[in-house]
Protein backbone atom coordinates (compact mmCIF):
# COMPACT_ATOMS: atom_id res chain seq x y z
CA UNK A 1 0.00 0.00 0.00
CA UNK A 2 1.43 3.40 -1.02
CA UNK A 3 1.46 6.35 1.33
CA UNK A 4 1.33 9.75 -0.33
CA UNK A 5 0.09 13.26 0.28
CA UNK A 6 -1.44 15.47 -2.41
CA UNK A 7 1.22 18.11 -1.86
CA UNK A 8 4.66 17.02 -0.62
CA UNK A 9 5.54 18.60 2.71
CA UNK A 10 9.16 17.45 2.72
CA UNK A 11 11.44 16.01 0.04
CA UNK A 12 10.77 12.43 1.13
CA UNK A 13 7.07 12.95 0.31
CA UNK A 14 7.64 13.71 -3.36
CA UNK A 15 7.42 10.07 -4.45
CA UNK A 16 4.69 7.87 -2.92
CA UNK A 17 6.16 5.40 -0.44
CA UNK A 18 5.33 1.88 0.60
CA UNK A 19 5.92 0.92 4.23
CA UNK A 20 9.08 -0.90 3.12
CA UNK A 21 10.40 2.22 1.45
CA UNK A 22 9.61 4.26 4.57
CA UNK A 23 11.73 1.85 6.61
CA UNK A 24 14.56 2.13 4.08
CA UNK A 25 14.46 5.92 4.39
CA UNK A 26 14.66 5.73 8.19
CA UNK A 27 17.48 3.16 8.15
CA UNK A 28 19.29 5.07 5.41
CA UNK A 29 19.20 8.31 7.38
CA UNK A 30 20.53 6.54 10.49
CA UNK A 31 23.34 5.04 8.40
CA UNK A 32 24.07 8.47 6.84
CA UNK A 33 24.56 9.93 10.33
CA UNK A 34 26.69 6.91 11.30
CA UNK A 35 28.93 7.40 8.25
CA UNK A 36 29.15 11.13 8.87
CA UNK A 37 30.31 10.42 12.42
CA UNK A 38 33.40 8.67 11.06
CA UNK A 39 34.70 11.96 9.65
CA UNK A 40 35.95 12.83 13.13
CA UNK A 41 38.95 14.46 14.73
CA UNK A 42 39.78 16.16 18.02
CA UNK A 43 41.31 19.59 18.27
CA UNK A 44 44.51 19.47 20.37
CA UNK A 45 43.00 21.70 23.07
CA UNK A 46 39.60 19.98 23.15
CA UNK A 47 39.73 16.33 24.24
CA UNK A 48 36.03 16.16 25.17
CA UNK A 49 34.06 16.35 21.90
CA UNK A 50 35.32 15.54 18.37
CA UNK A 51 34.51 17.58 15.29
CA UNK A 52 32.35 15.49 12.94
CA UNK A 53 29.85 15.89 10.11
CA UNK A 54 27.05 14.50 12.28
CA UNK A 55 25.12 17.70 12.95
CA UNK A 56 24.99 18.39 9.22
CA UNK A 57 23.70 14.87 8.54
CA UNK A 58 21.11 15.10 11.34
CA UNK A 59 19.52 18.41 10.36
CA UNK A 60 19.67 17.61 6.64
CA UNK A 61 18.04 14.21 7.17
CA UNK A 62 15.32 15.61 9.43
CA UNK A 63 14.56 18.43 7.01
CA UNK A 64 14.27 15.97 4.12
CA UNK A 65 12.34 13.25 5.98
CA UNK A 66 10.04 15.24 8.26
CA UNK A 67 9.36 14.87 11.97
CA UNK A 68 8.30 11.23 12.32
CA UNK A 69 10.79 9.60 9.96
CA UNK A 70 13.58 11.95 11.06
CA UNK A 71 12.99 11.23 14.74
CA UNK A 72 12.78 7.49 14.13
CA UNK A 73 16.05 7.61 12.20
CA UNK A 74 17.89 9.41 15.01
CA UNK A 75 16.35 7.15 17.65
CA UNK A 76 17.49 4.14 15.62
CA UNK A 77 20.98 5.61 15.36
CA UNK A 78 21.13 6.21 19.12
CA UNK A 79 19.65 2.82 20.05
CA UNK A 80 21.80 0.67 17.78
CA UNK A 81 24.92 2.66 18.65
CA UNK A 82 24.12 2.29 22.34
CA UNK A 83 23.69 -1.46 21.89
CA UNK A 84 27.05 -1.88 20.21
CA UNK A 85 26.95 -0.87 16.53
CA UNK A 86 30.28 1.04 16.18
CA UNK A 87 28.91 4.04 14.30
CA UNK A 88 29.34 6.80 16.83
CA UNK A 89 32.36 9.07 16.29
CA UNK A 90 35.62 7.12 15.86
CA UNK A 91 33.78 3.78 15.59
CA UNK A 92 32.63 4.01 19.20
CA UNK A 93 29.41 2.65 20.66
CA UNK A 94 27.61 2.32 23.99
CA UNK A 95 25.33 4.46 26.09
CA UNK A 96 26.84 7.33 28.04
CA UNK A 97 30.08 9.25 27.77
CA UNK A 98 30.70 13.02 27.60
CA UNK A 99 29.41 13.39 24.03
CA UNK A 100 26.30 11.20 24.36
CA UNK A 101 24.15 14.26 25.09
CA UNK A 102 24.65 15.37 21.51
CA UNK A 103 23.19 12.09 20.32
CA UNK A 104 20.12 12.67 22.51
CA UNK A 105 20.02 16.17 21.09
CA UNK A 106 19.89 14.66 17.59
CA UNK A 107 16.55 13.04 18.42
CA UNK A 108 15.04 16.24 19.83
CA UNK A 109 16.38 18.35 16.94
CA UNK A 110 15.08 15.86 14.36
CA UNK A 111 11.54 16.21 15.68
CA UNK A 112 11.62 20.03 15.74
CA UNK A 113 13.46 20.45 12.42
CA UNK A 114 11.18 17.90 10.77
CA UNK A 115 8.03 19.61 12.07
CA UNK A 116 9.13 23.03 10.86
CA UNK A 117 10.25 21.58 7.51
CA UNK A 118 6.75 20.15 7.08
CA UNK A 119 5.49 23.75 7.10
CA UNK A 120 7.57 24.54 4.01
CA UNK A 121 10.71 25.89 5.67
CA UNK A 122 13.14 24.19 3.25
CA UNK A 123 11.92 25.92 0.09
CA UNK A 124 13.87 29.18 0.43
CA UNK A 125 17.50 29.83 1.35
CA UNK A 126 16.79 32.13 4.31
CA UNK A 127 14.14 29.92 5.88
CA UNK A 128 16.32 26.84 5.40
CA UNK A 129 19.28 28.61 7.03
CA UNK A 130 17.06 29.57 9.98
CA UNK A 131 15.85 25.99 10.28
CA UNK A 132 19.40 24.63 10.25
CA UNK A 133 20.44 27.14 12.91
CA UNK A 134 17.47 26.11 15.07
CA UNK A 135 18.45 22.45 14.77
CA UNK A 136 22.05 23.16 15.73
CA UNK A 137 21.00 25.27 18.73
CA UNK A 138 18.86 22.39 20.03
CA UNK A 139 21.72 19.92 19.59
CA UNK A 140 24.10 22.28 21.40
CA UNK A 141 21.64 22.91 24.23
CA UNK A 142 21.18 19.22 25.03
CA UNK A 143 24.77 18.21 24.27
CA UNK A 144 26.45 20.96 26.29
CA UNK A 145 24.17 20.41 29.28
CA UNK A 146 25.06 16.69 29.27
CA UNK A 147 28.76 17.54 28.82
CA UNK A 148 28.72 19.97 31.75
CA UNK A 149 27.27 17.49 34.20
CA UNK A 150 29.09 14.40 32.94
CA UNK A 151 32.49 16.09 33.33
CA UNK A 152 31.56 18.47 36.19
CA UNK A 153 32.57 21.50 34.14
CA UNK A 154 31.61 25.13 34.69
CA UNK A 155 29.30 26.66 32.08
CA UNK A 156 31.81 29.27 30.89
CA UNK A 157 35.56 29.81 30.95
CA UNK A 158 38.65 28.41 29.26
CA UNK A 159 37.97 24.85 30.48
CA UNK A 160 34.18 24.92 30.36
CA UNK A 161 31.19 23.20 28.80
CA UNK A 162 30.78 26.14 26.42
CA UNK A 163 34.45 26.08 25.40
CA UNK A 164 34.54 22.31 24.82
CA UNK A 165 31.01 21.90 23.49
CA UNK A 166 30.19 24.99 21.41
CA UNK A 167 33.00 27.46 20.73
CA UNK A 168 35.16 25.16 18.62
CA UNK A 169 32.28 24.04 16.43
CA UNK A 170 30.52 27.26 15.46
CA UNK A 171 32.54 28.12 12.33
CA UNK A 172 32.30 24.59 10.94
CA UNK A 173 28.58 24.46 11.65
CA UNK A 174 28.02 27.79 9.90
CA UNK A 175 29.71 26.36 6.78
CA UNK A 176 27.51 23.25 6.95
CA UNK A 177 24.42 25.42 7.46
CA UNK A 178 25.29 27.50 4.40
CA UNK A 179 25.68 24.34 2.30
CA UNK A 180 22.34 22.92 3.46
CA UNK A 181 20.65 26.30 2.97
CA UNK A 182 21.58 26.13 -0.70
CA UNK A 183 21.10 22.41 -1.24
CA UNK A 184 17.52 21.95 -0.03
CA UNK A 185 15.91 24.89 -1.89
CA UNK A 186 17.88 23.95 -5.04
CA UNK A 187 16.46 20.42 -4.82
CA UNK A 188 12.92 21.81 -4.53
CA UNK A 189 13.58 24.06 -7.54
CA UNK A 190 14.73 21.05 -9.57
CA UNK A 191 11.62 19.09 -8.57
CA UNK A 192 9.42 21.99 -9.66
CA UNK A 193 11.24 22.10 -12.98
CA UNK A 194 10.58 18.37 -13.38
CA UNK A 195 6.93 19.03 -12.40
CA UNK A 196 7.22 16.72 -9.38
CA UNK A 197 6.27 19.48 -6.96
CA UNK A 198 4.46 22.84 -6.96
C-alpha atoms as a PDB file:
ATOM      1  CA  UNK A   1       0.000   0.000   0.000  1.00  0.00           C
ATOM      2  CA  UNK A   2       1.429   3.400  -1.018  1.00  0.00           C
ATOM      3  CA  UNK A   3       1.461   6.350   1.335  1.00  0.00           C
ATOM      4  CA  UNK A   4       1.329   9.750  -0.326  1.00  0.00           C
ATOM      5  CA  UNK A   5       0.086  13.258   0.280  1.00  0.00           C
ATOM      6  CA  UNK A   6      -1.438  15.471  -2.414  1.00  0.00           C
ATOM      7  CA  UNK A   7       1.221  18.106  -1.858  1.00  0.00           C
ATOM      8  CA  UNK A   8       4.663  17.019  -0.623  1.00  0.00           C
ATOM      9  CA  UNK A   9       5.538  18.600   2.712  1.00  0.00           C
ATOM     10  CA  UNK A  10       9.164  17.452   2.719  1.00  0.00           C
ATOM     11  CA  UNK A  11      11.439  16.012   0.045  1.00  0.00           C
ATOM     12  CA  UNK A  12      10.768  12.432   1.127  1.00  0.00           C
ATOM     13  CA  UNK A  13       7.070  12.951   0.309  1.00  0.00           C
ATOM     14  CA  UNK A  14       7.637  13.706  -3.363  1.00  0.00           C
ATOM     15  CA  UNK A  15       7.421  10.071  -4.448  1.00  0.00           C
ATOM     16  CA  UNK A  16       4.688   7.870  -2.920  1.00  0.00           C
ATOM     17  CA  UNK A  17       6.156   5.397  -0.443  1.00  0.00           C
ATOM     18  CA  UNK A  18       5.329   1.884   0.604  1.00  0.00           C
ATOM     19  CA  UNK A  19       5.918   0.922   4.227  1.00  0.00           C
ATOM     20  CA  UNK A  20       9.075  -0.901   3.123  1.00  0.00           C
ATOM     21  CA  UNK A  21      10.395   2.223   1.451  1.00  0.00           C
ATOM     22  CA  UNK A  22       9.611   4.258   4.569  1.00  0.00           C
ATOM     23  CA  UNK A  23      11.728   1.846   6.612  1.00  0.00           C
ATOM     24  CA  UNK A  24      14.555   2.129   4.080  1.00  0.00           C
ATOM     25  CA  UNK A  25      14.457   5.923   4.393  1.00  0.00           C
ATOM     26  CA  UNK A  26      14.664   5.728   8.186  1.00  0.00           C
ATOM     27  CA  UNK A  27      17.477   3.157   8.154  1.00  0.00           C
ATOM     28  CA  UNK A  28      19.286   5.066   5.413  1.00  0.00           C
ATOM     29  CA  UNK A  29      19.202   8.313   7.378  1.00  0.00           C
ATOM     30  CA  UNK A  30      20.528   6.542  10.489  1.00  0.00           C
ATOM     31  CA  UNK A  31      23.338   5.044   8.399  1.00  0.00           C
ATOM     32  CA  UNK A  32      24.066   8.471   6.845  1.00  0.00           C
ATOM     33  CA  UNK A  33      24.559   9.925  10.334  1.00  0.00           C
ATOM     34  CA  UNK A  34      26.693   6.914  11.295  1.00  0.00           C
ATOM     35  CA  UNK A  35      28.931   7.395   8.246  1.00  0.00           C
ATOM     36  CA  UNK A  36      29.147  11.127   8.870  1.00  0.00           C
ATOM     37  CA  UNK A  37      30.305  10.416  12.416  1.00  0.00           C
ATOM     38  CA  UNK A  38      33.399   8.667  11.060  1.00  0.00           C
ATOM     39  CA  UNK A  39      34.696  11.956   9.653  1.00  0.00           C
ATOM     40  CA  UNK A  40      35.951  12.825  13.127  1.00  0.00           C
ATOM     41  CA  UNK A  41      38.946  14.460  14.729  1.00  0.00           C
ATOM     42  CA  UNK A  42      39.784  16.163  18.015  1.00  0.00           C
ATOM     43  CA  UNK A  43      41.313  19.592  18.268  1.00  0.00           C
ATOM     44  CA  UNK A  44      44.509  19.474  20.374  1.00  0.00           C
ATOM     45  CA  UNK A  45      42.996  21.700  23.074  1.00  0.00           C
ATOM     46  CA  UNK A  46      39.601  19.979  23.150  1.00  0.00           C
ATOM     47  CA  UNK A  47      39.733  16.325  24.245  1.00  0.00           C
ATOM     48  CA  UNK A  48      36.030  16.157  25.165  1.00  0.00           C
ATOM     49  CA  UNK A  49      34.064  16.350  21.897  1.00  0.00           C
ATOM     50  CA  UNK A  50      35.318  15.539  18.368  1.00  0.00           C
ATOM     51  CA  UNK A  51      34.514  17.577  15.294  1.00  0.00           C
ATOM     52  CA  UNK A  52      32.347  15.488  12.942  1.00  0.00           C
ATOM     53  CA  UNK A  53      29.853  15.891  10.107  1.00  0.00           C
ATOM     54  CA  UNK A  54      27.045  14.500  12.283  1.00  0.00           C
ATOM     55  CA  UNK A  55      25.123  17.703  12.953  1.00  0.00           C
ATOM     56  CA  UNK A  56      24.986  18.390   9.216  1.00  0.00           C
ATOM     57  CA  UNK A  57      23.698  14.871   8.544  1.00  0.00           C
ATOM     58  CA  UNK A  58      21.115  15.096  11.337  1.00  0.00           C
ATOM     59  CA  UNK A  59      19.525  18.407  10.360  1.00  0.00           C
ATOM     60  CA  UNK A  60      19.672  17.612   6.637  1.00  0.00           C
ATOM     61  CA  UNK A  61      18.038  14.212   7.165  1.00  0.00           C
ATOM     62  CA  UNK A  62      15.322  15.607   9.430  1.00  0.00           C
ATOM     63  CA  UNK A  63      14.555  18.433   7.012  1.00  0.00           C
ATOM     64  CA  UNK A  64      14.271  15.969   4.124  1.00  0.00           C
ATOM     65  CA  UNK A  65      12.341  13.251   5.984  1.00  0.00           C
ATOM     66  CA  UNK A  66      10.039  15.241   8.264  1.00  0.00           C
ATOM     67  CA  UNK A  67       9.361  14.867  11.966  1.00  0.00           C
ATOM     68  CA  UNK A  68       8.295  11.225  12.319  1.00  0.00           C
ATOM     69  CA  UNK A  69      10.795   9.599   9.964  1.00  0.00           C
ATOM     70  CA  UNK A  70      13.578  11.947  11.059  1.00  0.00           C
ATOM     71  CA  UNK A  71      12.994  11.234  14.743  1.00  0.00           C
ATOM     72  CA  UNK A  72      12.776   7.488  14.130  1.00  0.00           C
ATOM     73  CA  UNK A  73      16.047   7.612  12.198  1.00  0.00           C
ATOM     74  CA  UNK A  74      17.892   9.413  15.006  1.00  0.00           C
ATOM     75  CA  UNK A  75      16.346   7.149  17.651  1.00  0.00           C
ATOM     76  CA  UNK A  76      17.487   4.136  15.621  1.00  0.00           C
ATOM     77  CA  UNK A  77      20.979   5.606  15.357  1.00  0.00           C
ATOM     78  CA  UNK A  78      21.133   6.208  19.123  1.00  0.00           C
ATOM     79  CA  UNK A  79      19.654   2.823  20.053  1.00  0.00           C
ATOM     80  CA  UNK A  80      21.802   0.674  17.777  1.00  0.00           C
ATOM     81  CA  UNK A  81      24.918   2.659  18.653  1.00  0.00           C
ATOM     82  CA  UNK A  82      24.117   2.291  22.340  1.00  0.00           C
ATOM     83  CA  UNK A  83      23.686  -1.457  21.893  1.00  0.00           C
ATOM     84  CA  UNK A  84      27.053  -1.882  20.206  1.00  0.00           C
ATOM     85  CA  UNK A  85      26.955  -0.874  16.526  1.00  0.00           C
ATOM     86  CA  UNK A  86      30.276   1.039  16.182  1.00  0.00           C
ATOM     87  CA  UNK A  87      28.909   4.038  14.301  1.00  0.00           C
ATOM     88  CA  UNK A  88      29.338   6.800  16.831  1.00  0.00           C
ATOM     89  CA  UNK A  89      32.363   9.073  16.287  1.00  0.00           C
ATOM     90  CA  UNK A  90      35.622   7.124  15.860  1.00  0.00           C
ATOM     91  CA  UNK A  91      33.776   3.783  15.589  1.00  0.00           C
ATOM     92  CA  UNK A  92      32.626   4.014  19.202  1.00  0.00           C
ATOM     93  CA  UNK A  93      29.413   2.651  20.663  1.00  0.00           C
ATOM     94  CA  UNK A  94      27.608   2.324  23.990  1.00  0.00           C
ATOM     95  CA  UNK A  95      25.326   4.462  26.092  1.00  0.00           C
ATOM     96  CA  UNK A  96      26.841   7.335  28.045  1.00  0.00           C
ATOM     97  CA  UNK A  97      30.085   9.254  27.775  1.00  0.00           C
ATOM     98  CA  UNK A  98      30.702  13.019  27.598  1.00  0.00           C
ATOM     99  CA  UNK A  99      29.408  13.391  24.032  1.00  0.00           C
ATOM    100  CA  UNK A 100      26.295  11.204  24.363  1.00  0.00           C
ATOM    101  CA  UNK A 101      24.148  14.261  25.093  1.00  0.00           C
ATOM    102  CA  UNK A 102      24.653  15.374  21.513  1.00  0.00           C
ATOM    103  CA  UNK A 103      23.186  12.087  20.318  1.00  0.00           C
ATOM    104  CA  UNK A 104      20.122  12.667  22.511  1.00  0.00           C
ATOM    105  CA  UNK A 105      20.019  16.167  21.086  1.00  0.00           C
ATOM    106  CA  UNK A 106      19.886  14.658  17.587  1.00  0.00           C
ATOM    107  CA  UNK A 107      16.549  13.045  18.417  1.00  0.00           C
ATOM    108  CA  UNK A 108      15.039  16.236  19.826  1.00  0.00           C
ATOM    109  CA  UNK A 109      16.378  18.348  16.945  1.00  0.00           C
ATOM    110  CA  UNK A 110      15.084  15.865  14.356  1.00  0.00           C
ATOM    111  CA  UNK A 111      11.539  16.212  15.675  1.00  0.00           C
ATOM    112  CA  UNK A 112      11.618  20.026  15.737  1.00  0.00           C
ATOM    113  CA  UNK A 113      13.458  20.448  12.416  1.00  0.00           C
ATOM    114  CA  UNK A 114      11.178  17.899  10.765  1.00  0.00           C
ATOM    115  CA  UNK A 115       8.028  19.608  12.074  1.00  0.00           C
ATOM    116  CA  UNK A 116       9.130  23.032  10.861  1.00  0.00           C
ATOM    117  CA  UNK A 117      10.251  21.575   7.513  1.00  0.00           C
ATOM    118  CA  UNK A 118       6.750  20.148   7.076  1.00  0.00           C
ATOM    119  CA  UNK A 119       5.487  23.749   7.102  1.00  0.00           C
ATOM    120  CA  UNK A 120       7.567  24.539   4.008  1.00  0.00           C
ATOM    121  CA  UNK A 121      10.709  25.892   5.672  1.00  0.00           C
ATOM    122  CA  UNK A 122      13.137  24.186   3.253  1.00  0.00           C
ATOM    123  CA  UNK A 123      11.920  25.923   0.090  1.00  0.00           C
ATOM    124  CA  UNK A 124      13.874  29.181   0.434  1.00  0.00           C
ATOM    125  CA  UNK A 125      17.499  29.826   1.348  1.00  0.00           C
ATOM    126  CA  UNK A 126      16.794  32.128   4.305  1.00  0.00           C
ATOM    127  CA  UNK A 127      14.143  29.919   5.877  1.00  0.00           C
ATOM    128  CA  UNK A 128      16.323  26.844   5.404  1.00  0.00           C
ATOM    129  CA  UNK A 129      19.277  28.610   7.029  1.00  0.00           C
ATOM    130  CA  UNK A 130      17.055  29.573   9.982  1.00  0.00           C
ATOM    131  CA  UNK A 131      15.855  25.989  10.284  1.00  0.00           C
ATOM    132  CA  UNK A 132      19.403  24.628  10.251  1.00  0.00           C
ATOM    133  CA  UNK A 133      20.438  27.139  12.912  1.00  0.00           C
ATOM    134  CA  UNK A 134      17.467  26.111  15.069  1.00  0.00           C
ATOM    135  CA  UNK A 135      18.450  22.450  14.773  1.00  0.00           C
ATOM    136  CA  UNK A 136      22.048  23.164  15.732  1.00  0.00           C
ATOM    137  CA  UNK A 137      21.000  25.270  18.735  1.00  0.00           C
ATOM    138  CA  UNK A 138      18.864  22.393  20.027  1.00  0.00           C
ATOM    139  CA  UNK A 139      21.721  19.916  19.592  1.00  0.00           C
ATOM    140  CA  UNK A 140      24.101  22.283  21.400  1.00  0.00           C
ATOM    141  CA  UNK A 141      21.643  22.909  24.234  1.00  0.00           C
ATOM    142  CA  UNK A 142      21.179  19.221  25.028  1.00  0.00           C
ATOM    143  CA  UNK A 143      24.768  18.213  24.274  1.00  0.00           C
ATOM    144  CA  UNK A 144      26.445  20.958  26.287  1.00  0.00           C
ATOM    145  CA  UNK A 145      24.174  20.410  29.280  1.00  0.00           C
ATOM    146  CA  UNK A 146      25.060  16.694  29.272  1.00  0.00           C
ATOM    147  CA  UNK A 147      28.762  17.544  28.825  1.00  0.00           C
ATOM    148  CA  UNK A 148      28.723  19.968  31.745  1.00  0.00           C
ATOM    149  CA  UNK A 149      27.270  17.489  34.202  1.00  0.00           C
ATOM    150  CA  UNK A 150      29.092  14.401  32.943  1.00  0.00           C
ATOM    151  CA  UNK A 151      32.494  16.087  33.325  1.00  0.00           C
ATOM    152  CA  UNK A 152      31.559  18.472  36.193  1.00  0.00           C
ATOM    153  CA  UNK A 153      32.570  21.502  34.139  1.00  0.00           C
ATOM    154  CA  UNK A 154      31.613  25.132  34.692  1.00  0.00           C
ATOM    155  CA  UNK A 155      29.297  26.658  32.083  1.00  0.00           C
ATOM    156  CA  UNK A 156      31.809  29.271  30.891  1.00  0.00           C
ATOM    157  CA  UNK A 157      35.564  29.812  30.947  1.00  0.00           C
ATOM    158  CA  UNK A 158      38.653  28.406  29.258  1.00  0.00           C
ATOM    159  CA  UNK A 159      37.969  24.849  30.476  1.00  0.00           C
ATOM    160  CA  UNK A 160      34.183  24.916  30.357  1.00  0.00           C
ATOM    161  CA  UNK A 161      31.187  23.203  28.802  1.00  0.00           C
ATOM    162  CA  UNK A 162      30.782  26.142  26.419  1.00  0.00           C
ATOM    163  CA  UNK A 163      34.452  26.079  25.405  1.00  0.00           C
ATOM    164  CA  UNK A 164      34.538  22.313  24.819  1.00  0.00           C
ATOM    165  CA  UNK A 165      31.010  21.903  23.493  1.00  0.00           C
ATOM    166  CA  UNK A 166      30.187  24.987  21.413  1.00  0.00           C
ATOM    167  CA  UNK A 167      32.998  27.456  20.731  1.00  0.00           C
ATOM    168  CA  UNK A 168      35.164  25.160  18.624  1.00  0.00           C
ATOM    169  CA  UNK A 169      32.276  24.039  16.429  1.00  0.00           C
ATOM    170  CA  UNK A 170      30.521  27.264  15.455  1.00  0.00           C
ATOM    171  CA  UNK A 171      32.542  28.117  12.333  1.00  0.00           C
ATOM    172  CA  UNK A 172      32.300  24.588  10.937  1.00  0.00           C
ATOM    173  CA  UNK A 173      28.584  24.455  11.648  1.00  0.00           C
ATOM    174  CA  UNK A 174      28.021  27.785   9.897  1.00  0.00           C
ATOM    175  CA  UNK A 175      29.707  26.364   6.783  1.00  0.00           C
ATOM    176  CA  UNK A 176      27.506  23.249   6.954  1.00  0.00           C
ATOM    177  CA  UNK A 177      24.421  25.419   7.455  1.00  0.00           C
ATOM    178  CA  UNK A 178      25.291  27.503   4.395  1.00  0.00           C
ATOM    179  CA  UNK A 179      25.683  24.345   2.299  1.00  0.00           C
ATOM    180  CA  UNK A 180      22.340  22.919   3.458  1.00  0.00           C
ATOM    181  CA  UNK A 181      20.653  26.299   2.974  1.00  0.00           C
ATOM    182  CA  UNK A 182      21.578  26.132  -0.696  1.00  0.00           C
ATOM    183  CA  UNK A 183      21.098  22.410  -1.244  1.00  0.00           C
ATOM    184  CA  UNK A 184      17.520  21.945  -0.033  1.00  0.00           C
ATOM    185  CA  UNK A 185      15.910  24.890  -1.894  1.00  0.00           C
ATOM    186  CA  UNK A 186      17.880  23.948  -5.035  1.00  0.00           C
ATOM    187  CA  UNK A 187      16.457  20.424  -4.818  1.00  0.00           C
ATOM    188  CA  UNK A 188      12.916  21.812  -4.534  1.00  0.00           C
ATOM    189  CA  UNK A 189      13.581  24.058  -7.541  1.00  0.00           C
ATOM    190  CA  UNK A 190      14.733  21.052  -9.565  1.00  0.00           C
ATOM    191  CA  UNK A 191      11.624  19.093  -8.574  1.00  0.00           C
ATOM    192  CA  UNK A 192       9.422  21.992  -9.660  1.00  0.00           C
ATOM    193  CA  UNK A 193      11.241  22.099 -12.976  1.00  0.00           C
ATOM    194  CA  UNK A 194      10.580  18.373 -13.376  1.00  0.00           C
ATOM    195  CA  UNK A 195       6.934  19.033 -12.404  1.00  0.00           C
ATOM    196  CA  UNK A 196       7.221  16.717  -9.382  1.00  0.00           C
ATOM    197  CA  UNK A 197       6.265  19.485  -6.965  1.00  0.00           C
ATOM    198  CA  UNK A 198       4.461  22.843  -6.962  1.00  0.00           C
END
